[in-house]
């Protein structure tokens, strides 16, 4: 693995706070995310309402960088930029483009064009939320169509290394594709999981165009951005219908990824921040209890109702992990 800078100025936090007050007082605020239809959010380019409903009381997700931060709009794309980092987001109505495949192609054309023109032009991480991700049969499944549209634009952009990513199904019936992400002035280092086949090498049975993402992205010497991770070993889904066993397999994959990244603290815990997507909100009690049982010093967690890209999978986890004093540094920034 190449040598890396010692630190990263990027911080992720979950905060039970007022978004408007945060925006007023914090000049290092890169982005604020609210979840679900009921979350009160002010109109601001740094603020995005994510189309997934929270399970229980949901905090805001807050990104901070080394300020000051500038922000604005570029047509239908919103952005904010500060220090090393660039946040961007686009929301695309599928009907305006003839369906999810063309909507994905358009969204990624816009993202690729905008990011490549920025001084922070290295893609690190992407999130994708689309309605009814499993609808349709065979190669007509909406997730497979999304993958086709995304891959065409990424190939046309000349992207040489895939970023970390998640793709989750909205359950609100709103056919708007949300794509948002993070880019930086310096590249990260893509990390693959030795327990899993790299997504872009999946065999044909998973569709004509394999998913185009890395399992994780190492940023600096001690930060890992974790892609959506589920109970997949090799390329096969494991434990259909058993949420507890799927969770255990997912945790095995996460710890394998952390070890492969070479972090000083390769175990989920105080330096982690996790987002848990559940196909059925009724699984929340079981999943939370098992997570707290399996992870010493359980990290902050946000649970969201969302469909997973394979019908047989019941849950997926993504997030961030920092080694060496992450919790202390994050709290200091949050409370300054």
C-alpha atoms as a PDB file:
ATOM      1  CA  UNK A   1       0.000   0.000   0.000  1.00  0.00           C
ATOM      2  CA  UNK A   2       1.456   3.447  -0.890  1.00  0.00           C
ATOM      3  CA  UNK A   3       2.517   5.888   1.824  1.00  0.00           C
ATOM      4  CA  UNK A   4      -0.315   8.080   3.041  1.00  0.00           C
ATOM      5  CA  UNK A   5      -0.666  11.443   4.780  1.00  0.00           C
ATOM      6  CA  UNK A   6      -0.708  11.123   8.546  1.00  0.00           C
ATOM      7  CA  UNK A   7      -4.057  12.806   9.117  1.00  0.00           C
ATOM      8  CA  UNK A   8      -7.339  13.563   7.412  1.00  0.00           C
ATOM      9  CA  UNK A   9      -9.278  16.744   8.111  1.00  0.00           C
ATOM     10  CA  UNK A  10     -12.625  15.083   7.378  1.00  0.00           C
ATOM     11  CA  UNK A  11     -15.003  14.279  10.267  1.00  0.00           C
ATOM     12  CA  UNK A  12     -18.363  12.473  10.298  1.00  0.00           C
ATOM     13  CA  UNK A  13     -20.745  12.740  13.272  1.00  0.00           C
ATOM     14  CA  UNK A  14     -24.315  11.926  14.250  1.00  0.00           C
ATOM     15  CA  UNK A  15     -25.854  14.827  16.163  1.00  0.00           C
ATOM     16  CA  UNK A  16     -29.268  15.469  17.668  1.00  0.00           C
ATOM     17  CA  UNK A  17     -29.265  19.133  16.826  1.00  0.00           C
ATOM     18  CA  UNK A  18     -31.018  21.855  14.830  1.00  0.00           C
ATOM     19  CA  UNK A  19     -29.731  22.022  11.266  1.00  0.00           C
ATOM     20  CA  UNK A  20     -30.264  25.762  10.892  1.00  0.00           C
ATOM     21  CA  UNK A  21     -28.350  26.498  14.103  1.00  0.00           C
ATOM     22  CA  UNK A  22     -25.500  24.258  12.964  1.00  0.00           C
ATOM     23  CA  UNK A  23     -25.247  26.097   9.670  1.00  0.00           C
ATOM     24  CA  UNK A  24     -25.135  29.473  11.409  1.00  0.00           C
ATOM     25  CA  UNK A  25     -22.405  28.707  13.903  1.00  0.00           C
ATOM     26  CA  UNK A  26     -20.016  26.321  12.156  1.00  0.00           C
ATOM     27  CA  UNK A  27     -17.889  27.570   9.268  1.00  0.00           C
ATOM     28  CA  UNK A  28     -16.317  24.119   8.788  1.00  0.00           C
ATOM     29  CA  UNK A  29     -19.660  22.450   8.034  1.00  0.00           C
ATOM     30  CA  UNK A  30     -19.384  20.682   4.692  1.00  0.00           C
ATOM     31  CA  UNK A  31     -22.765  18.876   4.635  1.00  0.00           C
ATOM     32  CA  UNK A  32     -25.808  18.078   6.781  1.00  0.00           C
ATOM     33  CA  UNK A  33     -28.158  15.156   6.104  1.00  0.00           C
ATOM     34  CA  UNK A  34     -31.651  14.697   7.473  1.00  0.00           C
ATOM     35  CA  UNK A  35     -33.509  11.416   7.086  1.00  0.00           C
ATOM     36  CA  UNK A  36     -37.175  10.939   6.235  1.00  0.00           C
ATOM     37  CA  UNK A  37     -40.045  13.216   5.350  1.00  0.00           C
ATOM     38  CA  UNK A  38     -40.600  14.677   8.827  1.00  0.00           C
ATOM     39  CA  UNK A  39     -37.090  15.981   9.535  1.00  0.00           C
ATOM     40  CA  UNK A  40     -37.101  19.825   9.581  1.00  0.00           C
ATOM     41  CA  UNK A  41     -34.390  21.134   7.253  1.00  0.00           C
ATOM     42  CA  UNK A  42     -33.608  24.651   5.972  1.00  0.00           C
ATOM     43  CA  UNK A  43     -33.023  25.380   2.268  1.00  0.00           C
ATOM     44  CA  UNK A  44     -29.270  25.386   1.826  1.00  0.00           C
ATOM     45  CA  UNK A  45     -26.894  23.821  -0.704  1.00  0.00           C
ATOM     46  CA  UNK A  46     -25.100  22.013   2.130  1.00  0.00           C
ATOM     47  CA  UNK A  47     -28.289  20.314   3.332  1.00  0.00           C
ATOM     48  CA  UNK A  48     -29.853  17.180   1.845  1.00  0.00           C
ATOM     49  CA  UNK A  49     -32.985  15.292   2.840  1.00  0.00           C
ATOM     50  CA  UNK A  50     -32.315  11.596   2.262  1.00  0.00           C
ATOM     51  CA  UNK A  51     -35.339   9.631   1.020  1.00  0.00           C
ATOM     52  CA  UNK A  52     -35.060   6.852   3.610  1.00  0.00           C
ATOM     53  CA  UNK A  53     -37.180   6.764   6.756  1.00  0.00           C
ATOM     54  CA  UNK A  54     -35.347   6.434  10.071  1.00  0.00           C
ATOM     55  CA  UNK A  55     -36.179   3.655  12.503  1.00  0.00           C
ATOM     56  CA  UNK A  56     -36.573   5.429  15.822  1.00  0.00           C
ATOM     57  CA  UNK A  57     -35.321   8.914  16.635  1.00  0.00           C
ATOM     58  CA  UNK A  58     -32.800   9.891  14.002  1.00  0.00           C
ATOM     59  CA  UNK A  59     -29.891  12.277  14.436  1.00  0.00           C
ATOM     60  CA  UNK A  60     -28.542  14.476  11.693  1.00  0.00           C
ATOM     61  CA  UNK A  61     -25.456  13.237   9.897  1.00  0.00           C
ATOM     62  CA  UNK A  62     -22.865  16.003   9.847  1.00  0.00           C
ATOM     63  CA  UNK A  63     -19.680  16.283   7.792  1.00  0.00           C
ATOM     64  CA  UNK A  64     -16.937  18.736   8.766  1.00  0.00           C
ATOM     65  CA  UNK A  65     -13.721  19.663   7.046  1.00  0.00           C
ATOM     66  CA  UNK A  66     -11.057  22.329   7.501  1.00  0.00           C
ATOM     67  CA  UNK A  67     -13.123  25.460   6.809  1.00  0.00           C
ATOM     68  CA  UNK A  68     -14.109  27.922   5.670  1.00  0.00           C
ATOM     69  CA  UNK A  69     -16.657  26.286   3.385  1.00  0.00           C
ATOM     70  CA  UNK A  70     -18.086  27.758   0.194  1.00  0.00           C
ATOM     71  CA  UNK A  71     -21.270  26.394  -1.344  1.00  0.00           C
ATOM     72  CA  UNK A  72     -23.722  26.860  -4.177  1.00  0.00           C
ATOM     73  CA  UNK A  73     -25.499  25.263  -7.129  1.00  0.00           C
ATOM     74  CA  UNK A  74     -24.328  24.250 -10.571  1.00  0.00           C
ATOM     75  CA  UNK A  75     -27.614  23.835 -12.459  1.00  0.00           C
ATOM     76  CA  UNK A  76     -29.364  20.855 -10.842  1.00  0.00           C
ATOM     77  CA  UNK A  77     -26.322  19.867  -8.780  1.00  0.00           C
ATOM     78  CA  UNK A  78     -25.602  21.275  -5.310  1.00  0.00           C
ATOM     79  CA  UNK A  79     -22.124  21.475  -3.819  1.00  0.00           C
ATOM     80  CA  UNK A  80     -19.990  22.697  -0.957  1.00  0.00           C
ATOM     81  CA  UNK A  81     -16.220  22.933  -0.806  1.00  0.00           C
ATOM     82  CA  UNK A  82     -13.758  23.503   1.996  1.00  0.00           C
ATOM     83  CA  UNK A  83     -10.142  22.660   2.596  1.00  0.00           C
ATOM     84  CA  UNK A  84      -9.385  19.297   1.060  1.00  0.00           C
ATOM     85  CA  UNK A  85     -12.961  18.194   0.399  1.00  0.00           C
ATOM     86  CA  UNK A  86     -15.929  18.578  -1.916  1.00  0.00           C
ATOM     87  CA  UNK A  87     -19.525  17.510  -1.221  1.00  0.00           C
ATOM     88  CA  UNK A  88     -21.924  17.208  -4.158  1.00  0.00           C
ATOM     89  CA  UNK A  89     -25.464  15.958  -4.647  1.00  0.00           C
ATOM     90  CA  UNK A  90     -27.956  15.579  -7.463  1.00  0.00           C
ATOM     91  CA  UNK A  91     -31.583  14.442  -7.472  1.00  0.00           C
ATOM     92  CA  UNK A  92     -32.963  13.209 -10.794  1.00  0.00           C
ATOM     93  CA  UNK A  93     -36.603  12.525 -11.615  1.00  0.00           C
ATOM     94  CA  UNK A  94     -36.678   9.225 -13.457  1.00  0.00           C
ATOM     95  CA  UNK A  95     -39.715  10.163 -15.551  1.00  0.00           C
ATOM     96  CA  UNK A  96     -37.866  13.121 -17.042  1.00  0.00           C
ATOM     97  CA  UNK A  97     -35.237  10.723 -18.453  1.00  0.00           C
ATOM     98  CA  UNK A  98     -37.347   7.742 -19.401  1.00  0.00           C
ATOM     99  CA  UNK A  99     -36.472   5.452 -16.499  1.00  0.00           C
ATOM    100  CA  UNK A 100     -33.849   4.530 -13.943  1.00  0.00           C
ATOM    101  CA  UNK A 101     -31.117   3.487 -16.387  1.00  0.00           C
ATOM    102  CA  UNK A 102     -31.096   6.797 -18.242  1.00  0.00           C
ATOM    103  CA  UNK A 103     -31.531   8.725 -14.977  1.00  0.00           C
ATOM    104  CA  UNK A 104     -28.439   7.021 -13.552  1.00  0.00           C
ATOM    105  CA  UNK A 105     -26.450   7.704 -16.705  1.00  0.00           C
ATOM    106  CA  UNK A 106     -27.426  11.374 -16.587  1.00  0.00           C
ATOM    107  CA  UNK A 107     -26.716  11.739 -12.854  1.00  0.00           C
ATOM    108  CA  UNK A 108     -23.251  10.256 -13.221  1.00  0.00           C
ATOM    109  CA  UNK A 109     -22.475  12.337 -16.308  1.00  0.00           C
ATOM    110  CA  UNK A 110     -23.235  15.453 -14.272  1.00  0.00           C
ATOM    111  CA  UNK A 111     -21.241  14.248 -11.276  1.00  0.00           C
ATOM    112  CA  UNK A 112     -18.225  13.215 -13.368  1.00  0.00           C
ATOM    113  CA  UNK A 113     -18.192  16.502 -15.288  1.00  0.00           C
ATOM    114  CA  UNK A 114     -18.513  18.618 -12.165  1.00  0.00           C
ATOM    115  CA  UNK A 115     -15.965  16.755 -10.054  1.00  0.00           C
ATOM    116  CA  UNK A 116     -13.366  16.555 -12.847  1.00  0.00           C
ATOM    117  CA  UNK A 117     -13.499  20.351 -13.215  1.00  0.00           C
ATOM    118  CA  UNK A 118     -12.898  20.883  -9.497  1.00  0.00           C
ATOM    119  CA  UNK A 119      -9.572  21.152  -7.715  1.00  0.00           C
ATOM    120  CA  UNK A 120     -10.937  18.376  -5.458  1.00  0.00           C
ATOM    121  CA  UNK A 121     -11.328  15.945  -8.327  1.00  0.00           C
ATOM    122  CA  UNK A 122     -10.604  12.558  -6.721  1.00  0.00           C
ATOM    123  CA  UNK A 123     -13.801  10.631  -6.019  1.00  0.00           C
ATOM    124  CA  UNK A 124     -13.734   8.941  -2.617  1.00  0.00           C
ATOM    125  CA  UNK A 125     -17.285   7.910  -1.771  1.00  0.00           C
ATOM    126  CA  UNK A 126     -20.767   7.776  -3.365  1.00  0.00           C
ATOM    127  CA  UNK A 127     -24.268   7.059  -2.039  1.00  0.00           C
ATOM    128  CA  UNK A 128     -27.170   6.052  -4.306  1.00  0.00           C
ATOM    129  CA  UNK A 129     -30.816   5.847  -3.223  1.00  0.00           C
ATOM    130  CA  UNK A 130     -33.503   4.736  -5.661  1.00  0.00           C
ATOM    131  CA  UNK A 131     -37.072   3.516  -5.290  1.00  0.00           C
ATOM    132  CA  UNK A 132     -38.074  -0.140  -5.731  1.00  0.00           C
ATOM    133  CA  UNK A 133     -34.507  -1.337  -6.207  1.00  0.00           C
ATOM    134  CA  UNK A 134     -35.557  -4.995  -6.626  1.00  0.00           C
ATOM    135  CA  UNK A 135     -38.541  -4.446  -8.945  1.00  0.00           C
ATOM    136  CA  UNK A 136     -38.382  -6.195 -12.319  1.00  0.00           C
ATOM    137  CA  UNK A 137     -37.144  -9.625 -13.296  1.00  0.00           C
ATOM    138  CA  UNK A 138     -33.751 -10.790 -14.523  1.00  0.00           C
ATOM    139  CA  UNK A 139     -31.768  -8.142 -16.337  1.00  0.00           C
ATOM    140  CA  UNK A 140     -34.791  -5.814 -16.164  1.00  0.00           C
ATOM    141  CA  UNK A 141     -34.428  -5.497 -12.384  1.00  0.00           C
ATOM    142  CA  UNK A 142     -34.143  -1.842 -11.486  1.00  0.00           C
ATOM    143  CA  UNK A 143     -30.841  -2.263  -9.659  1.00  0.00           C
ATOM    144  CA  UNK A 144     -29.281  -3.928 -12.699  1.00  0.00           C
ATOM    145  CA  UNK A 145     -30.574  -1.131 -14.917  1.00  0.00           C
ATOM    146  CA  UNK A 146     -29.123   1.435 -12.520  1.00  0.00           C
ATOM    147  CA  UNK A 147     -25.759  -0.350 -12.665  1.00  0.00           C
ATOM    148  CA  UNK A 148     -25.794  -0.225 -16.465  1.00  0.00           C
ATOM    149  CA  UNK A 149     -26.459   3.508 -16.580  1.00  0.00           C
ATOM    150  CA  UNK A 150     -23.888   4.273 -13.893  1.00  0.00           C
ATOM    151  CA  UNK A 151     -21.196   2.136 -15.532  1.00  0.00           C
ATOM    152  CA  UNK A 152     -21.628   3.798 -18.941  1.00  0.00           C
ATOM    153  CA  UNK A 153     -21.021   7.246 -17.487  1.00  0.00           C
ATOM    154  CA  UNK A 154     -18.100   6.172 -15.319  1.00  0.00           C
ATOM    155  CA  UNK A 155     -16.450   4.458 -18.298  1.00  0.00           C
ATOM    156  CA  UNK A 156     -16.964   7.537 -20.469  1.00  0.00           C
ATOM    157  CA  UNK A 157     -15.426   9.736 -17.770  1.00  0.00           C
ATOM    158  CA  UNK A 158     -12.168   7.777 -17.904  1.00  0.00           C
ATOM    159  CA  UNK A 159     -12.335   6.898 -14.212  1.00  0.00           C
ATOM    160  CA  UNK A 160      -9.384   4.636 -13.410  1.00  0.00           C
ATOM    161  CA  UNK A 161     -10.199   3.635  -9.837  1.00  0.00           C
ATOM    162  CA  UNK A 162     -13.664   2.998  -8.421  1.00  0.00           C
ATOM    163  CA  UNK A 163     -14.759   4.878  -5.286  1.00  0.00           C
ATOM    164  CA  UNK A 164     -16.431   3.325  -2.272  1.00  0.00           C
ATOM    165  CA  UNK A 165     -20.228   3.296  -2.629  1.00  0.00           C
ATOM    166  CA  UNK A 166     -23.636   2.213  -1.361  1.00  0.00           C
ATOM    167  CA  UNK A 167     -26.870   1.605  -3.292  1.00  0.00           C
ATOM    168  CA  UNK A 168     -30.068   1.236  -1.278  1.00  0.00           C
ATOM    169  CA  UNK A 169     -33.747   1.082  -2.180  1.00  0.00           C
ATOM    170  CA  UNK A 170     -36.110   3.811  -1.053  1.00  0.00           C
ATOM    171  CA  UNK A 171     -39.457   2.553   0.238  1.00  0.00           C
ATOM    172  CA  UNK A 172     -41.474   5.749  -0.292  1.00  0.00           C
ATOM    173  CA  UNK A 173     -42.588   5.206  -3.894  1.00  0.00           C
ATOM    174  CA  UNK A 174     -40.834   8.406  -5.023  1.00  0.00           C
ATOM    175  CA  UNK A 175     -39.102   7.762  -8.334  1.00  0.00           C
ATOM    176  CA  UNK A 176     -36.296  10.256  -7.751  1.00  0.00           C
ATOM    177  CA  UNK A 177     -32.728   8.993  -7.871  1.00  0.00           C
ATOM    178  CA  UNK A 178     -30.539  10.578  -5.213  1.00  0.00           C
ATOM    179  CA  UNK A 179     -26.790  10.512  -5.765  1.00  0.00           C
ATOM    180  CA  UNK A 180     -24.417  12.287  -3.437  1.00  0.00           C
ATOM    181  CA  UNK A 181     -20.799  11.944  -2.624  1.00  0.00           C
ATOM    182  CA  UNK A 182     -17.425  13.118  -1.480  1.00  0.00           C
ATOM    183  CA  UNK A 183     -14.336  14.061  -3.454  1.00  0.00           C
ATOM    184  CA  UNK A 184     -10.948  15.315  -2.328  1.00  0.00           C
ATOM    185  CA  UNK A 185      -7.861  17.161  -3.460  1.00  0.00           C
ATOM    186  CA  UNK A 186      -5.763  14.032  -2.932  1.00  0.00           C
ATOM    187  CA  UNK A 187      -6.703  10.462  -3.872  1.00  0.00           C
ATOM    188  CA  UNK A 188      -7.641   7.811  -1.365  1.00  0.00           C
ATOM    189  CA  UNK A 189      -6.570   4.191  -1.577  1.00  0.00           C
ATOM    190  CA  UNK A 190      -9.209   1.651  -2.604  1.00  0.00           C
ATOM    191  CA  UNK A 191      -9.405  -1.397  -0.339  1.00  0.00           C
ATOM    192  CA  UNK A 192     -10.886  -4.775  -1.258  1.00  0.00           C
ATOM    193  CA  UNK A 193     -12.090  -7.498   1.114  1.00  0.00           C
ATOM    194  CA  UNK A 194     -10.284 -10.858   0.779  1.00  0.00           C
ATOM    195  CA  UNK A 195     -13.487 -12.654   1.861  1.00  0.00           C
ATOM    196  CA  UNK A 196     -15.368 -11.235  -1.142  1.00  0.00           C
ATOM    197  CA  UNK A 197     -14.993 -11.120  -4.896  1.00  0.00           C
ATOM    198  CA  UNK A 198     -14.480  -7.531  -5.993  1.00  0.00           C
ATOM    199  CA  UNK A 199     -17.858  -6.198  -7.088  1.00  0.00           C
ATOM    200  CA  UNK A 200     -16.684  -5.282 -10.604  1.00  0.00           C
ATOM    201  CA  UNK A 201     -15.628  -8.927 -11.087  1.00  0.00           C
ATOM    202  CA  UNK A 202     -19.010 -10.470 -10.279  1.00  0.00           C
ATOM    203  CA  UNK A 203     -20.001 -13.238 -12.722  1.00  0.00           C
ATOM    204  CA  UNK A 204     -22.752 -12.786 -15.317  1.00  0.00           C
ATOM    205  CA  UNK A 205     -25.472 -14.274 -13.081  1.00  0.00           C
ATOM    206  CA  UNK A 206     -25.703 -10.930 -11.257  1.00  0.00           C
ATOM    207  CA  UNK A 207     -26.402  -8.939 -14.381  1.00  0.00           C
ATOM    208  CA  UNK A 208     -24.816  -7.782 -17.649  1.00  0.00           C
ATOM    209  CA  UNK A 209     -22.940  -4.952 -15.914  1.00  0.00           C
ATOM    210  CA  UNK A 210     -21.291  -5.640 -12.555  1.00  0.00           C
ATOM    211  CA  UNK A 211     -21.483  -3.007  -9.807  1.00  0.00           C
ATOM    212  CA  UNK A 212     -18.669  -0.460 -10.030  1.00  0.00           C
ATOM    213  CA  UNK A 213     -17.370   0.280  -6.547  1.00  0.00           C
ATOM    214  CA  UNK A 214     -14.545  -0.522  -4.159  1.00  0.00           C
ATOM    215  CA  UNK A 215     -15.297  -2.245  -0.843  1.00  0.00           C
ATOM    216  CA  UNK A 216     -13.705   0.633   1.049  1.00  0.00           C
ATOM    217  CA  UNK A 217     -11.607   3.763   0.610  1.00  0.00           C
ATOM    218  CA  UNK A 218      -8.710   4.559   2.898  1.00  0.00           C
ATOM    219  CA  UNK A 219      -8.227   8.294   3.452  1.00  0.00           C
ATOM    220  CA  UNK A 220      -5.019   9.376   5.096  1.00  0.00           C
ATOM    221  CA  UNK A 221      -3.226   7.015   7.444  1.00  0.00           C
ATOM    222  CA  UNK A 222      -6.100   6.132   9.753  1.00  0.00           C
ATOM    223  CA  UNK A 223      -9.524   6.661   8.180  1.00  0.00           C
ATOM    224  CA  UNK A 224     -11.558   4.153   6.199  1.00  0.00           C
ATOM    225  CA  UNK A 225     -14.782   4.949   4.325  1.00  0.00           C
ATOM    226  CA  UNK A 226     -16.774   1.716   4.297  1.00  0.00           C
ATOM    227  CA  UNK A 227     -18.975   0.763   1.357  1.00  0.00           C
ATOM    228  CA  UNK A 228     -22.329  -0.946   1.751  1.00  0.00           C
ATOM    229  CA  UNK A 229     -21.497  -4.365   3.198  1.00  0.00           C
ATOM    230  CA  UNK A 230     -23.796  -7.378   3.511  1.00  0.00           C
ATOM    231  CA  UNK A 231     -23.713 -11.158   4.024  1.00  0.00           C
ATOM    232  CA  UNK A 232     -21.889 -11.937   0.784  1.00  0.00           C
ATOM    233  CA  UNK A 233     -18.929 -14.340   0.810  1.00  0.00           C
ATOM    234  CA  UNK A 234     -17.083 -14.800  -2.446  1.00  0.00           C
ATOM    235  CA  UNK A 235     -19.904 -13.540  -4.646  1.00  0.00           C
ATOM    236  CA  UNK A 236     -22.749 -15.546  -3.070  1.00  0.00           C
ATOM    237  CA  UNK A 237     -25.379 -14.330  -0.624  1.00  0.00           C
ATOM    238  CA  UNK A 238     -25.393 -16.225   2.683  1.00  0.00           C
ATOM    239  CA  UNK A 239     -28.072 -17.194   5.225  1.00  0.00           C
ATOM    240  CA  UNK A 240     -31.274 -16.299   3.337  1.00  0.00           C
ATOM    241  CA  UNK A 241     -34.098 -15.484   5.728  1.00  0.00           C
ATOM    242  CA  UNK A 242     -31.892 -15.405   8.841  1.00  0.00           C
ATOM    243  CA  UNK A 243     -31.234 -11.812   9.918  1.00  0.00           C
ATOM    244  CA  UNK A 244     -29.051 -12.763  12.877  1.00  0.00           C
ATOM    245  CA  UNK A 245     -26.754 -14.952  10.800  1.00  0.00           C
ATOM    246  CA  UNK A 246     -26.621 -12.326   8.045  1.00  0.00           C
ATOM    247  CA  UNK A 247     -25.576  -9.726  10.600  1.00  0.00           C
ATOM    248  CA  UNK A 248     -22.796 -11.949  11.936  1.00  0.00           C
ATOM    249  CA  UNK A 249     -21.526 -12.571   8.387  1.00  0.00           C
ATOM    250  CA  UNK A 250     -21.675  -8.850   7.644  1.00  0.00           C
ATOM    251  CA  UNK A 251     -19.619  -8.084  10.751  1.00  0.00           C
ATOM    252  CA  UNK A 252     -17.068 -10.714   9.697  1.00  0.00           C
ATOM    253  CA  UNK A 253     -16.791  -8.913   6.353  1.00  0.00           C
ATOM    254  CA  UNK A 254     -16.395  -5.519   8.027  1.00  0.00           C
ATOM    255  CA  UNK A 255     -13.623  -6.705  10.312  1.00  0.00           C
ATOM    256  CA  UNK A 256     -11.885  -8.409   7.389  1.00  0.00           C
ATOM    257  CA  UNK A 257     -12.024  -5.129   5.448  1.00  0.00           C
ATOM    258  CA  UNK A 258     -10.614  -3.144   8.380  1.00  0.00           C
ATOM    259  CA  UNK A 259      -7.721  -5.592   8.721  1.00  0.00           C
ATOM    260  CA  UNK A 260      -7.020  -5.409   4.984  1.00  0.00           C
ATOM    261  CA  UNK A 261      -6.917  -1.600   5.197  1.00  0.00           C
ATOM    262  CA  UNK A 262      -3.992  -1.880   7.602  1.00  0.00           C
ATOM    263  CA  UNK A 263      -5.436   0.410  10.245  1.00  0.00           C
ATOM    264  CA  UNK A 264      -3.862   0.580  13.682  1.00  0.00           C
ATOM    265  CA  UNK A 265      -7.216  -0.300  15.268  1.00  0.00           C
ATOM    266  CA  UNK A 266      -8.820  -2.836  12.878  1.00  0.00           C
ATOM    267  CA  UNK A 267     -11.897  -3.472  15.001  1.00  0.00           C
ATOM    268  CA  UNK A 268     -15.269  -1.745  14.983  1.00  0.00           C
ATOM    269  CA  UNK A 269     -15.812   0.275  18.138  1.00  0.00           C
ATOM    270  CA  UNK A 270     -15.241   3.734  19.533  1.00  0.00           C
ATOM    271  CA  UNK A 271     -13.730   5.071  16.310  1.00  0.00           C
ATOM    272  CA  UNK A 272     -16.581   3.828  14.093  1.00  0.00           C
ATOM    273  CA  UNK A 273     -19.785   5.375  12.807  1.00  0.00           C
ATOM    274  CA  UNK A 274     -22.316   2.938  11.339  1.00  0.00           C
ATOM    275  CA  UNK A 275     -25.410   3.229   9.176  1.00  0.00           C
ATOM    276  CA  UNK A 276     -27.607   0.114   9.209  1.00  0.00           C
ATOM    277  CA  UNK A 277     -30.163  -0.424   6.442  1.00  0.00           C
ATOM    278  CA  UNK A 278     -32.989  -2.860   7.208  1.00  0.00           C
ATOM    279  CA  UNK A 279     -35.406  -4.278   4.666  1.00  0.00           C
ATOM    280  CA  UNK A 280     -37.964  -4.748   7.475  1.00  0.00           C
ATOM    281  CA  UNK A 281     -38.054  -2.179  10.295  1.00  0.00           C
ATOM    282  CA  UNK A 282     -39.326  -4.907  12.642  1.00  0.00           C
ATOM    283  CA  UNK A 283     -35.778  -6.350  12.652  1.00  0.00           C
ATOM    284  CA  UNK A 284     -34.394  -3.263  14.406  1.00  0.00           C
ATOM    285  CA  UNK A 285     -34.605  -4.559  17.989  1.00  0.00           C
ATOM    286  CA  UNK A 286     -32.875  -7.835  17.157  1.00  0.00           C
ATOM    287  CA  UNK A 287     -30.188  -6.166  15.066  1.00  0.00           C
ATOM    288  CA  UNK A 288     -29.379  -3.413  17.562  1.00  0.00           C
ATOM    289  CA  UNK A 289     -29.155  -5.856  20.473  1.00  0.00           C
ATOM    290  CA  UNK A 290     -26.883  -8.178  18.500  1.00  0.00           C
ATOM    291  CA  UNK A 291     -24.651  -5.297  17.377  1.00  0.00           C
ATOM    292  CA  UNK A 292     -24.195  -4.140  20.965  1.00  0.00           C
ATOM    293  CA  UNK A 293     -23.439  -7.704  21.984  1.00  0.00           C
ATOM    294  CA  UNK A 294     -20.917  -8.285  19.193  1.00  0.00           C
ATOM    295  CA  UNK A 295     -19.083  -4.919  19.288  1.00  0.00           C
ATOM    296  CA  UNK A 296     -17.274  -3.795  22.420  1.00  0.00           C
ATOM    297  CA  UNK A 297     -17.717  -0.042  22.996  1.00  0.00           C
ATOM    298  CA  UNK A 298     -20.557   0.037  20.475  1.00  0.00           C
ATOM    299  CA  UNK A 299     -20.242   2.993  18.085  1.00  0.00           C
ATOM    300  CA  UNK A 300     -22.921   5.548  17.168  1.00  0.00           C
ATOM    301  CA  UNK A 301     -25.480   3.871  14.917  1.00  0.00           C
ATOM    302  CA  UNK A 302     -28.247   5.114  12.624  1.00  0.00           C
ATOM    303  CA  UNK A 303     -30.926   2.657  11.467  1.00  0.00           C
ATOM    304  CA  UNK A 304     -32.836   3.295   8.253  1.00  0.00           C
ATOM    305  CA  UNK A 305     -35.599   1.405   6.448  1.00  0.00           C
ATOM    306  CA  UNK A 306     -34.282   0.489   3.023  1.00  0.00           C
ATOM    307  CA  UNK A 307     -34.224  -2.369   0.532  1.00  0.00           C
ATOM    308  CA  UNK A 308     -30.966  -4.156  -0.210  1.00  0.00           C
ATOM    309  CA  UNK A 309     -29.710  -4.676  -3.763  1.00  0.00           C
ATOM    310  CA  UNK A 310     -30.308  -8.452  -3.600  1.00  0.00           C
ATOM    311  CA  UNK A 311     -33.787  -9.679  -2.704  1.00  0.00           C
ATOM    312  CA  UNK A 312     -32.493 -12.368  -0.328  1.00  0.00           C
ATOM    313  CA  UNK A 313     -30.489  -9.926   1.779  1.00  0.00           C
ATOM    314  CA  UNK A 314     -32.202  -8.419   4.819  1.00  0.00           C
ATOM    315  CA  UNK A 315     -29.628  -5.865   5.927  1.00  0.00           C
ATOM    316  CA  UNK A 316     -26.595  -3.877   4.909  1.00  0.00           C
ATOM    317  CA  UNK A 317     -24.117  -1.739   6.843  1.00  0.00           C
ATOM    318  CA  UNK A 318     -21.875   1.101   5.736  1.00  0.00           C
ATOM    319  CA  UNK A 319     -20.022   3.803   7.617  1.00  0.00           C
ATOM    320  CA  UNK A 320     -16.642   5.147   8.613  1.00  0.00           C
ATOM    321  CA  UNK A 321     -13.850   4.025  10.903  1.00  0.00           C
ATOM    322  CA  UNK A 322     -10.983   6.034  12.351  1.00  0.00           C
ATOM    323  CA  UNK A 323      -8.054   4.646  14.291  1.00  0.00           C
ATOM    324  CA  UNK A 324      -5.962   6.282  17.018  1.00  0.00           C
ATOM    325  CA  UNK A 325      -7.939   8.762  19.050  1.00  0.00           C
ATOM    326  CA  UNK A 326     -10.789   9.265  16.607  1.00  0.00           C
ATOM    327  CA  UNK A 327     -13.492   9.656  19.219  1.00  0.00           C
ATOM    328  CA  UNK A 328     -11.563  12.328  21.133  1.00  0.00           C
ATOM    329  CA  UNK A 329     -10.803  14.328  17.999  1.00  0.00           C
ATOM    330  CA  UNK A 330     -14.390  14.092  16.739  1.00  0.00           C
ATOM    331  CA  UNK A 331     -15.859  15.186  20.071  1.00  0.00           C
ATOM    332  CA  UNK A 332     -13.508  18.134  20.265  1.00  0.00           C
ATOM    333  CA  UNK A 333     -14.593  19.357  16.848  1.00  0.00           C
ATOM    334  CA  UNK A 334     -18.264  18.787  17.654  1.00  0.00           C
ATOM    335  CA  UNK A 335     -18.142  20.765  20.925  1.00  0.00           C
ATOM    336  CA  UNK A 336     -15.853  23.613  19.990  1.00  0.00           C
END
